[in-house]
Protein backbone atom coordinates (compact mmCIF):
# COMPACT_ATOMS: atom_id res chain seq x y z
CA UNK A 1 127.31 118.82 66.14
CA UNK A 2 125.45 121.89 64.86
CA UNK A 3 121.93 122.49 65.33
CA UNK A 4 121.21 121.88 61.85
CA UNK A 5 122.22 118.21 62.12
CA UNK A 6 120.66 117.97 65.15
CA UNK A 7 117.09 119.06 63.89
CA UNK A 8 116.15 115.85 61.84
CA UNK A 9 116.96 113.71 64.71
CA UNK A 10 114.93 115.69 67.04
CA UNK A 11 112.05 115.78 64.81
CA UNK A 12 112.44 112.05 64.08
CA UNK A 13 112.27 111.31 68.22
CA UNK A 14 109.30 113.77 68.50
CA UNK A 15 107.24 112.02 65.73
CA UNK A 16 107.20 109.00 68.00
CA UNK A 17 104.16 108.07 69.89
CA UNK A 18 105.64 106.71 73.41
CA UNK A 19 102.25 105.28 74.27
CA UNK A 20 102.10 103.57 71.22
CA UNK A 21 105.46 102.11 71.38
CA UNK A 22 104.83 101.10 75.14
CA UNK A 23 101.76 99.10 73.81
CA UNK A 24 103.01 97.44 70.62
CA UNK A 25 104.61 94.60 72.51
CA UNK A 26 101.02 93.87 74.11
CA UNK A 27 99.25 94.31 70.92
CA UNK A 28 101.57 91.92 68.95
CA UNK A 29 101.66 89.34 71.92
CA UNK A 30 98.08 89.19 72.88
CA UNK A 31 95.60 91.44 70.50
CA UNK A 32 96.85 90.15 67.19
CA UNK A 33 96.23 86.49 67.82
CA UNK A 34 92.99 87.05 69.28
CA UNK A 35 91.79 89.16 66.73
CA UNK A 36 93.22 86.82 64.11
CA UNK A 37 91.32 83.65 65.61
CA UNK A 38 87.99 85.68 65.34
CA UNK A 39 88.43 87.23 61.98
CA UNK A 40 89.29 83.83 60.35
CA UNK A 41 86.73 81.93 62.48
CA UNK A 42 83.81 84.15 62.56
CA UNK A 43 84.91 86.10 59.44
CA UNK A 44 86.19 83.88 57.08
CA UNK A 45 84.54 80.63 58.55
CA UNK A 46 87.76 78.77 59.10
CA UNK A 47 87.52 75.66 61.52
CA UNK A 48 88.26 76.06 65.42
CA UNK A 49 91.19 74.19 64.65
CA UNK A 50 92.62 75.69 61.77
CA UNK A 51 91.88 79.13 63.36
CA UNK A 52 93.85 78.38 66.55
CA UNK A 53 96.61 77.15 64.49
CA UNK A 54 97.16 80.24 62.10
CA UNK A 55 96.46 82.80 65.00
CA UNK A 56 99.33 81.12 66.82
CA UNK A 57 101.69 81.89 64.21
CA UNK A 58 102.72 85.41 65.21
CA UNK A 59 103.39 84.83 69.01
CA UNK A 60 105.39 81.70 68.15
CA UNK A 61 107.54 83.70 65.80
CA UNK A 62 107.96 86.28 68.37
CA UNK A 63 108.98 83.79 70.95
CA UNK A 64 111.66 82.16 68.72
CA UNK A 65 112.64 85.66 67.79
CA UNK A 66 113.16 86.92 71.29
CA UNK A 67 115.57 83.50 72.29
CA UNK A 68 117.56 83.83 69.19
CA UNK A 69 117.93 87.64 68.71
CA UNK A 70 117.62 89.09 72.22
CA UNK A 71 118.61 86.00 74.25
CA UNK A 72 115.48 86.56 76.28
CA UNK A 73 112.14 84.67 76.80
CA UNK A 74 109.02 86.40 75.66
CA UNK A 75 106.82 84.73 78.46
CA UNK A 76 103.62 86.41 77.33
CA UNK A 77 103.88 85.40 73.21
CA UNK A 78 104.74 81.88 74.49
CA UNK A 79 101.84 81.93 76.88
CA UNK A 80 99.42 82.55 74.05
CA UNK A 81 100.88 79.84 72.09
CA UNK A 82 100.37 77.44 75.14
CA UNK A 83 96.76 78.69 75.59
CA UNK A 84 95.92 78.01 72.01
CA UNK A 85 97.13 74.11 72.14
CA UNK A 86 95.21 74.02 75.23
CA UNK A 87 92.45 75.22 73.35
CA UNK A 88 93.10 72.72 70.28
CA UNK A 89 93.36 69.80 72.82
CA UNK A 90 89.74 70.82 74.50
CA UNK A 91 88.25 70.89 71.06
CA UNK A 92 88.33 66.87 71.08
CA UNK A 93 86.59 67.06 74.60
CA UNK A 94 82.88 66.09 73.76
CA UNK A 95 79.98 64.45 75.43
CA UNK A 96 79.18 64.96 79.18
CA UNK A 97 77.75 68.64 79.44
CA UNK A 98 79.14 69.08 83.06
CA UNK A 99 82.69 68.25 81.46
CA UNK A 100 82.00 70.67 78.86
CA UNK A 101 81.35 73.27 81.16
CA UNK A 102 84.51 72.41 83.30
CA UNK A 103 86.49 72.57 80.28
CA UNK A 104 85.73 76.21 79.79
CA UNK A 105 88.15 77.20 82.75
CA UNK A 106 91.13 75.21 81.24
CA UNK A 107 92.36 78.06 79.79
CA UNK A 108 92.04 80.80 82.62
CA UNK A 109 93.79 78.08 84.98
CA UNK A 110 96.75 77.93 82.57
CA UNK A 111 96.88 81.62 82.39
CA UNK A 112 96.42 82.18 86.19
CA UNK A 113 99.10 79.20 86.99
CA UNK A 114 101.81 81.19 84.49
CA UNK A 115 101.01 84.74 85.82
CA UNK A 116 101.30 83.25 89.49
CA UNK A 117 104.70 81.63 88.64
CA UNK A 118 105.89 84.89 87.04
CA UNK A 119 105.16 86.62 90.06
CA UNK A 120 107.63 84.71 92.12
CA UNK A 121 110.17 83.63 89.31
CA UNK A 122 111.80 86.01 86.90
CA UNK A 123 109.84 88.98 85.31
CA UNK A 124 106.06 89.06 86.36
CA UNK A 125 103.93 88.56 83.32
CA UNK A 126 101.73 91.37 83.97
CA UNK A 127 104.35 94.00 84.14
CA UNK A 128 104.16 95.07 80.61
CA UNK A 129 100.58 96.29 80.88
CA UNK A 130 101.15 97.58 84.43
CA UNK A 131 103.74 99.80 83.10
CA UNK A 132 101.64 101.19 80.29
CA UNK A 133 98.89 101.90 82.89
CA UNK A 134 101.16 103.56 85.31
CA UNK A 135 103.38 105.50 82.68
CA UNK A 136 101.11 106.33 79.88
CA UNK A 137 103.97 105.97 77.58
CA UNK A 138 105.33 109.45 78.90
CA UNK A 139 109.33 109.84 78.80
CA UNK A 140 109.65 111.12 82.15
CA UNK A 141 107.47 108.49 84.15
CA UNK A 142 109.03 105.61 82.05
CA UNK A 143 112.65 106.71 83.09
CA UNK A 144 111.33 107.02 86.82
CA UNK A 145 109.72 103.60 86.32
CA UNK A 146 112.99 101.77 85.25
CA UNK A 147 114.92 103.49 87.74
CA UNK A 148 112.51 102.39 90.67
CA UNK A 149 112.38 99.08 89.30
CA UNK A 150 116.28 98.70 89.38
CA UNK A 151 116.73 100.24 92.76
CA UNK A 152 113.34 100.28 94.82
CA UNK A 153 112.66 96.82 96.62
CA UNK A 154 109.07 98.35 97.48
CA UNK A 155 108.58 99.41 93.85
CA UNK A 156 109.57 95.82 92.89
CA UNK A 157 107.21 94.43 95.76
CA UNK A 158 104.24 96.17 94.12
CA UNK A 159 105.06 95.22 90.48
CA UNK A 160 105.22 91.41 91.78
CA UNK A 161 101.92 91.80 94.03
CA UNK A 162 100.06 93.01 90.72
CA UNK A 163 100.65 89.86 89.10
CA UNK A 164 100.32 87.54 92.21
CA UNK A 165 96.96 89.15 92.76
CA UNK A 166 95.74 88.50 89.26
CA UNK A 167 97.09 84.84 88.98
CA UNK A 168 95.35 83.88 92.29
CA UNK A 169 92.02 85.70 91.07
CA UNK A 170 91.97 83.67 87.70
CA UNK A 171 92.92 80.39 89.68
CA UNK A 172 90.19 80.79 92.05
CA UNK A 173 87.73 81.54 89.08
CA UNK A 174 88.84 78.21 87.66
CA UNK A 175 88.20 76.42 90.67
CA UNK A 176 84.76 78.02 91.44
CA UNK A 177 83.78 77.22 87.68
CA UNK A 178 85.05 73.45 87.87
CA UNK A 179 83.03 72.87 91.55
CA UNK A 180 79.98 74.63 90.17
CA UNK A 181 79.98 72.61 87.03
CA UNK A 182 79.79 69.30 88.87
CA UNK A 183 77.66 70.68 91.96
CA UNK A 184 75.06 73.11 90.38
CA UNK A 185 72.57 72.37 87.82
CA UNK A 186 73.71 72.46 84.37
CA UNK A 187 71.57 75.28 83.38
CA UNK A 188 72.64 77.30 86.11
CA UNK A 189 76.38 77.06 85.25
CA UNK A 190 75.52 78.29 81.55
CA UNK A 191 74.81 81.82 82.90
CA UNK A 192 76.87 81.46 86.22
CA UNK A 193 79.98 80.70 84.60
CA UNK A 194 80.35 84.21 83.13
CA UNK A 195 79.27 85.92 85.99
CA UNK A 196 82.31 84.20 88.00
CA UNK A 197 84.84 85.37 85.39
CA UNK A 198 83.34 89.06 85.78
CA UNK A 199 83.62 89.16 89.40
CA UNK A 200 87.05 87.71 89.27
CA UNK A 201 87.95 90.40 87.36
CA UNK A 202 86.50 93.21 89.07
CA UNK A 203 88.00 91.89 92.61
CA UNK A 204 91.47 91.51 90.75
CA UNK A 205 91.26 95.04 89.73
CA UNK A 206 90.18 96.37 93.09
CA UNK A 207 92.68 94.55 95.10
CA UNK A 208 95.60 95.52 92.62
CA UNK A 209 94.38 98.89 92.76
CA UNK A 210 95.10 99.44 96.44
CA UNK A 211 98.12 96.87 96.85
CA UNK A 212 100.06 97.87 93.69
CA UNK A 213 98.83 100.53 91.17
CA UNK A 214 97.98 103.53 93.69
CA UNK A 215 101.45 103.11 95.67
CA UNK A 216 103.51 102.46 92.70
CA UNK A 217 101.70 105.41 90.67
CA UNK A 218 102.50 107.50 93.67
CA UNK A 219 106.01 106.58 93.88
CA UNK A 220 106.54 107.39 90.37
CA UNK A 221 104.81 111.08 90.76
CA UNK A 222 106.90 111.56 93.81
CA UNK A 223 110.15 110.98 92.08
CA UNK A 224 109.00 112.53 88.89
CA UNK A 225 108.19 116.01 91.12
CA UNK A 226 111.71 115.67 92.80
CA UNK A 227 113.19 115.66 89.34
CA UNK A 228 111.57 118.72 88.31
CA UNK A 229 112.48 120.62 91.41
CA UNK A 230 116.18 119.36 91.04
CA UNK A 231 116.38 120.13 87.30
CA UNK A 232 114.62 123.37 86.78
CA UNK A 233 112.08 123.24 83.84
CA UNK A 234 109.56 120.54 84.35
CA UNK A 235 109.26 119.81 80.54
CA UNK A 236 106.47 122.57 80.13
CA UNK A 237 108.79 125.33 78.87
CA UNK A 238 108.77 127.16 81.81
CA UNK A 239 111.74 129.97 81.91
CA UNK A 240 110.36 132.05 85.05
CA UNK A 241 113.43 131.35 87.15
CA UNK A 242 111.35 128.87 89.31
CA UNK A 243 113.82 125.97 88.69
CA UNK A 244 115.89 125.37 91.79
CA UNK A 245 119.11 123.92 91.50
CA UNK A 246 120.41 120.79 93.21
CA UNK A 247 121.10 120.91 96.74
CA UNK A 248 119.44 124.56 96.92
CA UNK A 249 116.98 123.68 99.17
CA UNK A 250 119.07 121.85 101.69
CA UNK A 251 117.34 118.69 101.86
CA UNK A 252 120.08 116.16 100.54
CA UNK A 253 117.38 113.81 99.38
CA UNK A 254 118.80 110.19 100.23
CA UNK A 255 115.73 107.85 100.66
CA UNK A 256 117.99 104.92 101.28
CA UNK A 257 117.10 102.94 98.15
CA UNK A 258 120.09 104.12 96.25
CA UNK A 259 117.90 106.90 94.10
CA UNK A 260 120.22 109.99 94.57
CA UNK A 261 121.25 110.42 91.31
CA UNK A 262 117.51 109.80 89.68
CA UNK A 263 116.34 113.40 89.80
CA UNK A 264 118.91 114.96 87.58
CA UNK A 265 118.93 112.03 85.24
CA UNK A 266 115.09 111.97 84.85
CA UNK A 267 114.64 115.82 84.50
CA UNK A 268 116.52 115.69 81.05
CA UNK A 269 113.51 113.40 79.78
CA UNK A 270 110.65 115.08 81.32
C-alpha cells in the first residue's frame, strides 16, 4: 500500500484519545447512571423510584448487549443494575431510625460482595479502573499490560489482590456501620457513618498501593524499558543510534514467565 493510502488511516488512529477510550466503559457503566439519577431526582424533581428506574436503563442495556453481541457478561453494568434494585427495595424501609441507618450500608455491602467474588472467580471487577490508572491509556503501556496479564502469574495476583482488598474494605465498612447503628447513639452514627466510609476508602487506597498498584506499575515500566532497549527508538523520535538490536547486550532476557517476545512486540506500539 502506498504512503498516500496509509496517511488517512494513520491520521484517524492518531486522532483518537487512548485515555478516553480506556475510560469510556467506566463512564458508561458507572458514571452515566449516577449522573442520570442525580440529574433526574435533584435537577428535574423526579421521585426516587422513577429516577432509580430510569438511571438503570443504560447499564441494563449494556449488560444485555454484552451477552448477546460479545457473549461476555458485563459485570460492572450488571452490578449497577443490582445496586439500583436494592436501593429501590430499601425505599420501602421506614420507621425505626436505627434500621434506617443500617440500611445505608446495604448498597456498599452488595458492591463489596460482588467485588470480592470476582477477585477469585472470573475477571476482577476493579480491573478496568486499575488498568486505566496504571497505563494512563498509553498504547505502549496498554500492550505491556495485556501481555503481562496473559503470561505473568505475579501480575495476575496483583490484579486480583487489588479487587480483594477493595471488597474486604467495603464489607468491613458495612459491618462497622450496622454494628454502630445498633450500639452507638443515633445522633453519633449520623455523622460517624460517612466517616467510617471515608476511612475504609483511605485504607483501601493505602493497602492496594503497596500490595498491587506499585508492584504492577514497576513491572509495566520494566517491560516497557526492555521493549525500548530491544526495539531501538523509544517512541520519542530518537535517531541518534542509541537503539540496541535484539541480543546486542548478550543478556538474553528470559524471566521464566514466557515473555521472551514481549520487547519486540511492544516496541512497535511505543
